[in-house]
Amino acid sequence: MIETRLLRQFIAVAEELHFHKAALRLHMAQPPLSQAIHRLEDKLGFSLFDRTTRGVKLTPAGEAFLNTAYGTLKTLETGIEQARQVSAGIAGKLTVTAVSIAYYESLLNIFRRFRERFPNVQLIIKQMPSSSQAKAILSGEADIAFLRKLPISADNVQSRLLLSEAIVMALPAGHPKAGDEQIDLRDFAGEDFVFTPQNLGAGYHSQLIALCEAAGFYPKVVQEAAQIHTLIGLVACGFGVALVPESIAHSIMRDKVLFRRISPVSTSCDPTIGLYMSWNSDNASPLINSFISMLDVGVEPQVEAS
């Protein structure tokens, strides 16, 4: 292993081609410098300089090794700077998992601003259900998660509520209740429902079930869909109705699916759903704090319920 100090001493002599001038440049005496170059040559097993009474010049091997010395120090300096930026939370890799966030323009703007402010950070965004996100946060596969209710229950996981939005009913355009501005959930006791699978988000699934039970019935689930776009597509095709977050009212199928607010069912049943940001407090990545610092504006869904 060759010390970087020896490389810098070699470069000084190679550039000056004069031991005394190189020693002055390095702020050291000439004899220790000459001894250092001899040690380097012994380590390498070949001569770096031809020393004559007329002066000093590089050997062919010395000329070749000079390029190596330059490259080694440059790589080291680059590596140190990159590590310094990672330590400062302005470089590195940040892995974010999320439920579908296409309807949250202000949240997408935060991602954009983060990319602009930290261009040296590799931002990786993975869409996955809340249950998978919980595992990713706990295992270290993800640094930050944007997930539905309920936040992860673990001592080392912190959660921040970003927004709370109403749960609305998605109806096929031809549904008898489509003309109502607001619907009573109790009127849907005998209806077919489309749900997301329970194993993809137990808290979210349980809250929707509880909302129906507060209205006096257990929903008749005839079809499940893992992706929200698929779920809305099934509603459009007449498979059934669905309870969804209000932000989904921006669906691209608004001509085939209508979204209606739900009349209050019970004071004990929460008709809203939260979007949480969670992270593992055991995760030492400084990029997490860098991202959290960007959340200085409210995150609201873009909603045009009709």
C-alpha atoms as a PDB file:
ATOM      1  CA  MET A   1       0.000   0.000   0.000  1.00  0.00           C
ATOM      2  CA  ILE A   2       1.531   3.306  -1.103  1.00  0.00           C
ATOM      3  CA  GLU A   3       0.806   6.366   1.012  1.00  0.00           C
ATOM      4  CA  THR A   4      -0.710   9.371  -0.736  1.00  0.00           C
ATOM      5  CA  ARG A   5       2.024  11.472   0.888  1.00  0.00           C
ATOM      6  CA  LEU A   6       4.620   9.563  -1.136  1.00  0.00           C
ATOM      7  CA  LEU A   7       2.628  10.114  -4.309  1.00  0.00           C
ATOM      8  CA  ARG A   8       2.462  13.859  -3.686  1.00  0.00           C
ATOM      9  CA  GLN A   9       6.195  13.978  -3.008  1.00  0.00           C
ATOM     10  CA  PHE A  10       6.891  12.032  -6.198  1.00  0.00           C
ATOM     11  CA  ILE A  11       4.682  14.389  -8.234  1.00  0.00           C
ATOM     12  CA  ALA A  12       6.484  17.448  -6.839  1.00  0.00           C
ATOM     13  CA  VAL A  13       9.900  16.070  -7.856  1.00  0.00           C
ATOM     14  CA  ALA A  14       8.559  14.943 -11.245  1.00  0.00           C
ATOM     15  CA  GLU A  15       7.174  18.396 -11.984  1.00  0.00           C
ATOM     16  CA  GLU A  16      10.178  20.336 -10.692  1.00  0.00           C
ATOM     17  CA  LEU A  17      12.826  17.821 -11.874  1.00  0.00           C
ATOM     18  CA  HIS A  18      14.901  19.229  -9.030  1.00  0.00           C
ATOM     19  CA  PHE A  19      14.998  17.786  -5.506  1.00  0.00           C
ATOM     20  CA  HIS A  20      15.863  21.068  -3.789  1.00  0.00           C
ATOM     21  CA  LYS A  21      13.057  23.008  -5.519  1.00  0.00           C
ATOM     22  CA  ALA A  22      10.616  20.191  -4.815  1.00  0.00           C
ATOM     23  CA  ALA A  23      11.632  20.188  -1.155  1.00  0.00           C
ATOM     24  CA  LEU A  24      11.024  23.941  -0.894  1.00  0.00           C
ATOM     25  CA  ARG A  25       7.618  23.488  -2.552  1.00  0.00           C
ATOM     26  CA  LEU A  26       6.729  20.775  -0.045  1.00  0.00           C
ATOM     27  CA  HIS A  27       8.083  22.792   2.906  1.00  0.00           C
ATOM     28  CA  MET A  28      10.523  20.083   3.903  1.00  0.00           C
ATOM     29  CA  ALA A  29      14.272  19.462   3.869  1.00  0.00           C
ATOM     30  CA  GLN A  30      15.874  17.854   0.827  1.00  0.00           C
ATOM     31  CA  PRO A  31      17.404  14.756   2.509  1.00  0.00           C
ATOM     32  CA  PRO A  32      14.052  13.424   3.851  1.00  0.00           C
ATOM     33  CA  LEU A  33      12.533  13.988   0.395  1.00  0.00           C
ATOM     34  CA  SER A  34      15.335  12.041  -1.316  1.00  0.00           C
ATOM     35  CA  GLN A  35      14.868   9.235   1.214  1.00  0.00           C
ATOM     36  CA  ALA A  36      11.103   9.199   0.600  1.00  0.00           C
ATOM     37  CA  ILE A  37      11.572   8.820  -3.162  1.00  0.00           C
ATOM     38  CA  HIS A  38      14.021   5.962  -2.567  1.00  0.00           C
ATOM     39  CA  ARG A  39      11.426   4.249  -0.338  1.00  0.00           C
ATOM     40  CA  LEU A  40       8.819   4.650  -3.053  1.00  0.00           C
ATOM     41  CA  GLU A  41      11.145   3.162  -5.656  1.00  0.00           C
ATOM     42  CA  ASP A  42      11.864   0.254  -3.336  1.00  0.00           C
ATOM     43  CA  LYS A  43       8.135  -0.371  -2.907  1.00  0.00           C
ATOM     44  CA  LEU A  44       7.546  -0.251  -6.663  1.00  0.00           C
ATOM     45  CA  GLY A  45      10.600  -2.275  -7.593  1.00  0.00           C
ATOM     46  CA  PHE A  46      11.805   0.079 -10.326  1.00  0.00           C
ATOM     47  CA  SER A  47      13.522   3.461 -10.662  1.00  0.00           C
ATOM     48  CA  LEU A  48      11.437   6.584 -11.154  1.00  0.00           C
ATOM     49  CA  PHE A  49      14.282   9.017 -11.848  1.00  0.00           C
ATOM     50  CA  ASP A  50      17.635   9.061 -13.570  1.00  0.00           C
ATOM     51  CA  ARG A  51      19.942  11.010 -11.286  1.00  0.00           C
ATOM     52  CA  THR A  52      23.088  12.476 -12.880  1.00  0.00           C
ATOM     53  CA  THR A  53      25.446  15.303 -12.084  1.00  0.00           C
ATOM     54  CA  ARG A  54      23.627  17.324 -14.731  1.00  0.00           C
ATOM     55  CA  GLY A  55      20.220  16.961 -13.109  1.00  0.00           C
ATOM     56  CA  VAL A  56      17.216  14.707 -12.649  1.00  0.00           C
ATOM     57  CA  LYS A  57      14.831  13.314 -15.236  1.00  0.00           C
ATOM     58  CA  LEU A  58      12.028  10.783 -15.237  1.00  0.00           C
ATOM     59  CA  THR A  59      12.678   7.269 -16.428  1.00  0.00           C
ATOM     60  CA  PRO A  60      10.144   5.827 -18.922  1.00  0.00           C
ATOM     61  CA  ALA A  61       8.650   3.906 -15.986  1.00  0.00           C
ATOM     62  CA  GLY A  62       8.551   7.149 -13.983  1.00  0.00           C
ATOM     63  CA  GLU A  63       6.656   8.917 -16.780  1.00  0.00           C
ATOM     64  CA  ALA A  64       4.119   6.110 -16.866  1.00  0.00           C
ATOM     65  CA  PHE A  65       3.759   6.106 -13.080  1.00  0.00           C
ATOM     66  CA  LEU A  66       3.265   9.883 -13.020  1.00  0.00           C
ATOM     67  CA  ASN A  67      -0.035   9.473 -14.869  1.00  0.00           C
ATOM     68  CA  THR A  68      -1.018   6.789 -12.367  1.00  0.00           C
ATOM     69  CA  ALA A  69      -0.152   9.086  -9.473  1.00  0.00           C
ATOM     70  CA  TYR A  70      -2.221  11.929 -10.956  1.00  0.00           C
ATOM     71  CA  GLY A  71      -5.187   9.611 -11.526  1.00  0.00           C
ATOM     72  CA  THR A  72      -5.006   8.058  -8.068  1.00  0.00           C
ATOM     73  CA  LEU A  73      -5.005  11.397  -6.273  1.00  0.00           C
ATOM     74  CA  LYS A  74      -7.772  12.731  -8.516  1.00  0.00           C
ATOM     75  CA  THR A  75      -9.935   9.671  -7.836  1.00  0.00           C
ATOM     76  CA  LEU A  76      -9.297  10.016  -4.123  1.00  0.00           C
ATOM     77  CA  GLU A  77     -10.190  13.711  -4.125  1.00  0.00           C
ATOM     78  CA  THR A  78     -13.354  13.018  -6.088  1.00  0.00           C
ATOM     79  CA  GLY A  79     -14.299  10.221  -3.707  1.00  0.00           C
ATOM     80  CA  ILE A  80     -13.702  12.419  -0.662  1.00  0.00           C
ATOM     81  CA  GLU A  81     -15.852  15.189  -2.119  1.00  0.00           C
ATOM     82  CA  GLN A  82     -18.648  12.758  -2.968  1.00  0.00           C
ATOM     83  CA  ALA A  83     -18.515  11.321   0.548  1.00  0.00           C
ATOM     84  CA  ARG A  84     -18.573  14.835   1.999  1.00  0.00           C
ATOM     85  CA  GLN A  85     -21.708  15.626  -0.027  1.00  0.00           C
ATOM     86  CA  VAL A  86     -23.364  12.401   1.096  1.00  0.00           C
ATOM     87  CA  SER A  87     -22.535  13.243   4.707  1.00  0.00           C
ATOM     88  CA  ALA A  88     -24.016  16.713   4.229  1.00  0.00           C
ATOM     89  CA  GLY A  89     -27.220  15.251   2.776  1.00  0.00           C
ATOM     90  CA  ILE A  90     -26.762  16.764  -0.689  1.00  0.00           C
ATOM     91  CA  ALA A  91     -25.705  13.662  -2.623  1.00  0.00           C
ATOM     92  CA  GLY A  92     -26.223   9.918  -2.610  1.00  0.00           C
ATOM     93  CA  LYS A  93     -29.326   7.806  -3.175  1.00  0.00           C
ATOM     94  CA  LEU A  94     -32.794   8.256  -1.678  1.00  0.00           C
ATOM     95  CA  THR A  95     -35.352   5.505  -2.190  1.00  0.00           C
ATOM     96  CA  VAL A  96     -38.989   6.548  -1.811  1.00  0.00           C
ATOM     97  CA  THR A  97     -41.989   4.234  -1.905  1.00  0.00           C
ATOM     98  CA  ALA A  98     -45.528   5.476  -2.401  1.00  0.00           C
ATOM     99  CA  VAL A  99     -49.109   4.621  -3.146  1.00  0.00           C
ATOM    100  CA  SER A 100     -50.405   6.266  -6.301  1.00  0.00           C
ATOM    101  CA  ILE A 101     -49.484   9.952  -5.924  1.00  0.00           C
ATOM    102  CA  ALA A 102     -50.414  11.127  -9.427  1.00  0.00           C
ATOM    103  CA  TYR A 103     -53.354  13.099  -7.999  1.00  0.00           C
ATOM    104  CA  TYR A 104     -51.280  15.104  -5.517  1.00  0.00           C
ATOM    105  CA  GLU A 105     -49.798  17.932  -7.539  1.00  0.00           C
ATOM    106  CA  SER A 106     -48.231  19.689  -4.560  1.00  0.00           C
ATOM    107  CA  LEU A 107     -46.500  16.456  -3.499  1.00  0.00           C
ATOM    108  CA  LEU A 108     -45.209  15.949  -7.026  1.00  0.00           C
ATOM    109  CA  ASN A 109     -43.948  19.534  -6.913  1.00  0.00           C
ATOM    110  CA  ILE A 110     -41.958  18.664  -3.787  1.00  0.00           C
ATOM    111  CA  PHE A 111     -40.284  15.833  -5.699  1.00  0.00           C
ATOM    112  CA  ARG A 112     -39.501  18.283  -8.509  1.00  0.00           C
ATOM    113  CA  ARG A 113     -38.083  20.877  -6.116  1.00  0.00           C
ATOM    114  CA  PHE A 114     -36.012  18.224  -4.371  1.00  0.00           C
ATOM    115  CA  ARG A 115     -34.474  17.185  -7.709  1.00  0.00           C
ATOM    116  CA  GLU A 116     -33.724  20.807  -8.541  1.00  0.00           C
ATOM    117  CA  ARG A 117     -32.198  21.577  -5.151  1.00  0.00           C
ATOM    118  CA  PHE A 118     -30.226  18.319  -4.865  1.00  0.00           C
ATOM    119  CA  PRO A 119     -29.205  17.414  -8.427  1.00  0.00           C
ATOM    120  CA  ASN A 120     -26.510  15.034  -7.171  1.00  0.00           C
ATOM    121  CA  VAL A 121     -29.033  12.846  -5.358  1.00  0.00           C
ATOM    122  CA  GLN A 122     -30.302   9.771  -7.157  1.00  0.00           C
ATOM    123  CA  LEU A 123     -34.024   9.821  -6.353  1.00  0.00           C
ATOM    124  CA  ILE A 124     -35.678   6.420  -6.781  1.00  0.00           C
ATOM    125  CA  ILE A 125     -39.493   6.299  -6.545  1.00  0.00           C
ATOM    126  CA  LYS A 126     -41.260   2.944  -6.327  1.00  0.00           C
ATOM    127  CA  GLN A 127     -45.020   2.540  -6.310  1.00  0.00           C
ATOM    128  CA  MET A 128     -46.228  -0.171  -3.959  1.00  0.00           C
ATOM    129  CA  PRO A 129     -49.136  -0.853  -1.581  1.00  0.00           C
ATOM    130  CA  SER A 130     -48.980   0.288   2.024  1.00  0.00           C
ATOM    131  CA  SER A 131     -48.331  -3.201   3.421  1.00  0.00           C
ATOM    132  CA  SER A 132     -45.258  -3.621   1.214  1.00  0.00           C
ATOM    133  CA  GLN A 133     -44.060  -0.140   2.092  1.00  0.00           C
ATOM    134  CA  ALA A 134     -44.162  -0.959   5.790  1.00  0.00           C
ATOM    135  CA  LYS A 135     -41.855  -3.920   5.202  1.00  0.00           C
ATOM    136  CA  ALA A 136     -39.555  -1.831   2.984  1.00  0.00           C
ATOM    137  CA  ILE A 137     -39.152   0.855   5.655  1.00  0.00           C
ATOM    138  CA  LEU A 138     -38.450  -1.659   8.405  1.00  0.00           C
ATOM    139  CA  SER A 139     -35.960  -3.642   6.297  1.00  0.00           C
ATOM    140  CA  GLY A 140     -34.099  -0.588   5.020  1.00  0.00           C
ATOM    141  CA  GLU A 141     -35.128  -1.192   1.407  1.00  0.00           C
ATOM    142  CA  ALA A 142     -36.813   2.230   1.428  1.00  0.00           C
ATOM    143  CA  ASP A 143     -35.818   5.477   3.129  1.00  0.00           C
ATOM    144  CA  ILE A 144     -39.195   7.253   3.030  1.00  0.00           C
ATOM    145  CA  ALA A 145     -42.691   5.892   2.467  1.00  0.00           C
ATOM    146  CA  PHE A 146     -45.899   7.669   1.461  1.00  0.00           C
ATOM    147  CA  LEU A 147     -48.677   5.377   2.530  1.00  0.00           C
ATOM    148  CA  ARG A 148     -52.301   5.220   3.485  1.00  0.00           C
ATOM    149  CA  LYS A 149     -53.781   4.838   6.882  1.00  0.00           C
ATOM    150  CA  LEU A 150     -52.788   3.531   9.281  1.00  0.00           C
ATOM    151  CA  PRO A 151     -49.178   4.604   9.857  1.00  0.00           C
ATOM    152  CA  ILE A 152     -46.677   1.870  10.621  1.00  0.00           C
ATOM    153  CA  SER A 153     -46.857   0.688  14.207  1.00  0.00           C
ATOM    154  CA  ALA A 154     -43.238   0.301  15.319  1.00  0.00           C
ATOM    155  CA  ASP A 155     -41.141   2.082  17.915  1.00  0.00           C
ATOM    156  CA  ASN A 156     -38.423   2.996  15.415  1.00  0.00           C
ATOM    157  CA  VAL A 157     -40.755   4.331  12.717  1.00  0.00           C
ATOM    158  CA  GLN A 158     -41.852   7.958  12.689  1.00  0.00           C
ATOM    159  CA  SER A 159     -44.903   9.117  10.751  1.00  0.00           C
ATOM    160  CA  ARG A 160     -46.146  12.511   9.701  1.00  0.00           C
ATOM    161  CA  LEU A 161     -49.688  13.138   8.486  1.00  0.00           C
ATOM    162  CA  LEU A 162     -49.433  15.077   5.236  1.00  0.00           C
ATOM    163  CA  LEU A 163     -53.105  15.439   4.494  1.00  0.00           C
ATOM    164  CA  SER A 164     -56.538  14.110   5.321  1.00  0.00           C
ATOM    165  CA  GLU A 165     -59.139  13.851   2.576  1.00  0.00           C
ATOM    166  CA  ALA A 166     -62.744  12.723   2.379  1.00  0.00           C
ATOM    167  CA  ILE A 167     -63.732   9.230   1.322  1.00  0.00           C
ATOM    168  CA  VAL A 168     -66.131   9.493  -1.620  1.00  0.00           C
ATOM    169  CA  MET A 169     -68.245   7.023  -3.561  1.00  0.00           C
ATOM    170  CA  ALA A 170     -67.278   6.199  -7.142  1.00  0.00           C
ATOM    171  CA  LEU A 171     -70.373   5.430  -9.199  1.00  0.00           C
ATOM    172  CA  PRO A 172     -70.892   4.318 -12.803  1.00  0.00           C
ATOM    173  CA  ALA A 173     -72.234   7.250 -14.830  1.00  0.00           C
ATOM    174  CA  GLY A 174     -75.581   5.474 -15.295  1.00  0.00           C
ATOM    175  CA  HIS A 175     -76.123   4.657 -11.619  1.00  0.00           C
ATOM    176  CA  PRO A 176     -79.531   5.745 -10.202  1.00  0.00           C
ATOM    177  CA  LYS A 177     -77.772   7.806  -7.511  1.00  0.00           C
ATOM    178  CA  ALA A 178     -75.394   9.499  -9.944  1.00  0.00           C
ATOM    179  CA  GLY A 179     -77.599  12.588 -10.082  1.00  0.00           C
ATOM    180  CA  ASP A 180     -77.448  13.165  -6.321  1.00  0.00           C
ATOM    181  CA  GLU A 181     -74.957  15.734  -5.083  1.00  0.00           C
ATOM    182  CA  GLN A 182     -74.457  13.737  -1.909  1.00  0.00           C
ATOM    183  CA  ILE A 183     -75.307  10.136  -1.218  1.00  0.00           C
ATOM    184  CA  ASP A 184     -76.366   8.209   1.883  1.00  0.00           C
ATOM    185  CA  LEU A 185     -74.136   5.174   2.330  1.00  0.00           C
ATOM    186  CA  ARG A 186     -77.041   3.259   3.835  1.00  0.00           C
ATOM    187  CA  ASP A 187     -78.729   3.234   0.427  1.00  0.00           C
ATOM    188  CA  PHE A 188     -75.916   1.002  -0.874  1.00  0.00           C
ATOM    189  CA  ALA A 189     -76.443  -1.911   1.522  1.00  0.00           C
ATOM    190  CA  GLY A 190     -77.437  -4.244  -1.319  1.00  0.00           C
ATOM    191  CA  GLU A 191     -74.988  -2.918  -3.903  1.00  0.00           C
ATOM    192  CA  ASP A 192     -71.992  -4.722  -5.388  1.00  0.00           C
ATOM    193  CA  PHE A 193     -68.680  -3.216  -4.260  1.00  0.00           C
ATOM    194  CA  VAL A 194     -65.201  -3.214  -5.751  1.00  0.00           C
ATOM    195  CA  PHE A 195     -62.404  -3.166  -3.147  1.00  0.00           C
ATOM    196  CA  THR A 196     -58.649  -3.277  -3.020  1.00  0.00           C
ATOM    197  CA  PRO A 197     -57.375  -6.528  -1.461  1.00  0.00           C
ATOM    198  CA  GLN A 198     -57.030  -6.427   2.318  1.00  0.00           C
ATOM    199  CA  ASN A 199     -53.449  -7.740   2.227  1.00  0.00           C
ATOM    200  CA  LEU A 200     -52.306  -4.679   0.280  1.00  0.00           C
ATOM    201  CA  GLY A 201     -53.373  -2.207   2.964  1.00  0.00           C
ATOM    202  CA  ALA A 202     -55.092  -3.644   6.018  1.00  0.00           C
ATOM    203  CA  GLY A 203     -55.639  -0.281   7.725  1.00  0.00           C
ATOM    204  CA  TYR A 204     -57.171   1.348   4.654  1.00  0.00           C
ATOM    205  CA  HIS A 205     -59.317  -1.718   3.925  1.00  0.00           C
ATOM    206  CA  SER A 206     -60.518  -1.943   7.534  1.00  0.00           C
ATOM    207  CA  GLN A 207     -61.506   1.714   7.606  1.00  0.00           C
ATOM    208  CA  LEU A 208     -63.707   1.334   4.526  1.00  0.00           C
ATOM    209  CA  ILE A 209     -65.341  -1.763   6.016  1.00  0.00           C
ATOM    210  CA  ALA A 210     -65.948   0.110   9.282  1.00  0.00           C
ATOM    211  CA  LEU A 211     -67.574   2.967   7.364  1.00  0.00           C
ATOM    212  CA  CYS A 212     -70.052   0.549   5.767  1.00  0.00           C
ATOM    213  CA  GLU A 213     -70.718  -1.211   9.067  1.00  0.00           C
ATOM    214  CA  ALA A 214     -71.496   2.161  10.657  1.00  0.00           C
ATOM    215  CA  ALA A 215     -74.125   2.530   7.930  1.00  0.00           C
ATOM    216  CA  GLY A 216     -75.636  -0.789   8.983  1.00  0.00           C
ATOM    217  CA  PHE A 217     -74.275  -3.276   6.458  1.00  0.00           C
ATOM    218  CA  TYR A 218     -71.235  -5.284   5.432  1.00  0.00           C
ATOM    219  CA  PRO A 219     -70.231  -4.538   1.811  1.00  0.00           C
ATOM    220  CA  LYS A 220     -70.791  -7.262  -0.765  1.00  0.00           C
ATOM    221  CA  VAL A 221     -67.401  -7.314  -2.467  1.00  0.00           C
ATOM    222  CA  VAL A 222     -67.748  -8.921  -5.906  1.00  0.00           C
ATOM    223  CA  GLN A 223     -64.331  -7.953  -7.308  1.00  0.00           C
ATOM    224  CA  GLU A 224     -60.936  -6.820  -6.053  1.00  0.00           C
ATOM    225  CA  ALA A 225     -58.304  -4.739  -7.850  1.00  0.00           C
ATOM    226  CA  ALA A 226     -54.777  -4.015  -6.649  1.00  0.00           C
ATOM    227  CA  GLN A 227     -54.343  -0.827  -8.707  1.00  0.00           C
ATOM    228  CA  ILE A 228     -56.639   2.164  -8.229  1.00  0.00           C
ATOM    229  CA  HIS A 229     -56.886   2.730 -11.994  1.00  0.00           C
ATOM    230  CA  THR A 230     -58.088  -0.844 -12.438  1.00  0.00           C
ATOM    231  CA  LEU A 231     -60.586  -0.403  -9.617  1.00  0.00           C
ATOM    232  CA  ILE A 232     -62.025   2.735 -11.249  1.00  0.00           C
ATOM    233  CA  GLY A 233     -62.096   0.914 -14.587  1.00  0.00           C
ATOM    234  CA  LEU A 234     -64.190  -1.865 -13.020  1.00  0.00           C
ATOM    235  CA  VAL A 235     -66.611   0.737 -11.651  1.00  0.00           C
ATOM    236  CA  ALA A 236     -66.847   2.261 -15.131  1.00  0.00           C
ATOM    237  CA  CYS A 237     -67.714  -1.161 -16.567  1.00  0.00           C
ATOM    238  CA  GLY A 238     -70.541  -1.633 -14.074  1.00  0.00           C
ATOM    239  CA  PHE A 239     -68.927  -4.212 -11.789  1.00  0.00           C
ATOM    240  CA  GLY A 240     -70.027  -2.221  -8.754  1.00  0.00           C
ATOM    241  CA  VAL A 241     -69.407   0.923  -6.736  1.00  0.00           C
ATOM    242  CA  ALA A 242     -66.273   1.774  -4.753  1.00  0.00           C
ATOM    243  CA  LEU A 243     -65.222   3.883  -1.794  1.00  0.00           C
ATOM    244  CA  VAL A 244     -62.096   5.833  -2.713  1.00  0.00           C
ATOM    245  CA  PRO A 245     -60.057   8.843  -1.528  1.00  0.00           C
ATOM    246  CA  GLU A 246     -61.441  12.124  -2.831  1.00  0.00           C
ATOM    247  CA  SER A 247     -58.298  12.834  -4.850  1.00  0.00           C
ATOM    248  CA  ILE A 248     -59.250  10.009  -7.221  1.00  0.00           C
ATOM    249  CA  ALA A 249     -61.986  12.339  -8.520  1.00  0.00           C
ATOM    250  CA  HIS A 250     -59.329  13.447 -11.009  1.00  0.00           C
ATOM    251  CA  SER A 251     -59.625  10.067 -12.707  1.00  0.00           C
ATOM    252  CA  ILE A 252     -59.125  10.025 -16.460  1.00  0.00           C
ATOM    253  CA  MET A 253     -62.477   8.191 -16.711  1.00  0.00           C
ATOM    254  CA  ARG A 254     -64.610  11.037 -15.367  1.00  0.00           C
ATOM    255  CA  ASP A 255     -67.011  10.675 -18.297  1.00  0.00           C
ATOM    256  CA  LYS A 256     -67.795   7.131 -17.164  1.00  0.00           C
ATOM    257  CA  VAL A 257     -67.360   7.400 -13.388  1.00  0.00           C
ATOM    258  CA  LEU A 258     -68.860  10.013 -11.096  1.00  0.00           C
ATOM    259  CA  PHE A 259     -67.711  10.790  -7.560  1.00  0.00           C
ATOM    260  CA  ARG A 260     -70.161  11.725  -4.838  1.00  0.00           C
ATOM    261  CA  ARG A 261     -69.622  12.873  -1.271  1.00  0.00           C
ATOM    262  CA  ILE A 262     -71.054  10.730   1.514  1.00  0.00           C
ATOM    263  CA  SER A 263     -73.495  12.064   4.105  1.00  0.00           C
ATOM    264  CA  PRO A 264     -72.200  11.765   7.681  1.00  0.00           C
ATOM    265  CA  VAL A 265     -72.875   8.264   8.964  1.00  0.00           C
ATOM    266  CA  SER A 266     -71.709   8.298  12.575  1.00  0.00           C
ATOM    267  CA  THR A 267     -69.695  10.633  14.745  1.00  0.00           C
ATOM    268  CA  SER A 268     -67.616   7.642  15.822  1.00  0.00           C
ATOM    269  CA  CYS A 269     -66.656   6.673  12.276  1.00  0.00           C
ATOM    270  CA  ASP A 270     -64.010   8.742  10.502  1.00  0.00           C
ATOM    271  CA  PRO A 271     -65.092   9.505   6.902  1.00  0.00           C
ATOM    272  CA  THR A 272     -61.606  10.710   5.942  1.00  0.00           C
ATOM    273  CA  ILE A 273     -58.433   8.936   4.913  1.00  0.00           C
ATOM    274  CA  GLY A 274     -54.901  10.097   5.610  1.00  0.00           C
ATOM    275  CA  LEU A 275     -51.752  10.164   3.536  1.00  0.00           C
ATOM    276  CA  TYR A 276     -48.727   9.670   5.773  1.00  0.00           C
ATOM    277  CA  MET A 277     -45.008  10.082   5.292  1.00  0.00           C
ATOM    278  CA  SER A 278     -43.085   7.497   7.332  1.00  0.00           C
ATOM    279  CA  TRP A 279     -39.403   6.807   7.861  1.00  0.00           C
ATOM    280  CA  ASN A 280     -37.253   4.597  10.054  1.00  0.00           C
ATOM    281  CA  SER A 281     -35.526   6.597  12.797  1.00  0.00           C
ATOM    282  CA  ASP A 282     -32.725   4.003  12.794  1.00  0.00           C
ATOM    283  CA  ASN A 283     -31.907   4.949   9.210  1.00  0.00           C
ATOM    284  CA  ALA A 284     -28.869   7.231   9.416  1.00  0.00           C
ATOM    285  CA  SER A 285     -29.152   8.652   5.877  1.00  0.00           C
ATOM    286  CA  PRO A 286     -28.892  12.480   6.095  1.00  0.00           C
ATOM    287  CA  LEU A 287     -30.926  12.638   2.883  1.00  0.00           C
ATOM    288  CA  ILE A 288     -34.065  11.868   4.877  1.00  0.00           C
ATOM    289  CA  ASN A 289     -33.762  15.169   6.744  1.00  0.00           C
ATOM    290  CA  SER A 290     -32.932  16.917   3.473  1.00  0.00           C
ATOM    291  CA  PHE A 291     -36.196  15.646   1.997  1.00  0.00           C
ATOM    292  CA  ILE A 292     -38.248  16.435   5.091  1.00  0.00           C
ATOM    293  CA  SER A 293     -36.927  20.001   4.947  1.00  0.00           C
ATOM    294  CA  MET A 294     -38.659  20.392   1.583  1.00  0.00           C
ATOM    295  CA  LEU A 295     -42.073  19.854   3.172  1.00  0.00           C
ATOM    296  CA  ASP A 296     -42.500  23.507   4.074  1.00  0.00           C
ATOM    297  CA  VAL A 297     -45.750  23.867   2.137  1.00  0.00           C
ATOM    298  CA  GLY A 298     -49.049  22.077   2.557  1.00  0.00           C
ATOM    299  CA  VAL A 299     -49.684  18.974   0.498  1.00  0.00           C
ATOM    300  CA  GLU A 300     -53.189  18.951  -0.831  1.00  0.00           C
ATOM    301  CA  PRO A 301     -54.924  16.739  -3.410  1.00  0.00           C
ATOM    302  CA  GLN A 302     -56.207  18.350  -6.575  1.00  0.00           C
ATOM    303  CA  VAL A 303     -59.940  17.653  -6.352  1.00  0.00           C
ATOM    304  CA  GLU A 304     -62.815  18.512  -8.615  1.00  0.00           C
ATOM    305  CA  ALA A 305     -65.554  16.234  -7.347  1.00  0.00           C
ATOM    306  CA  SER A 306     -68.564  16.373  -9.601  1.00  0.00           C
END
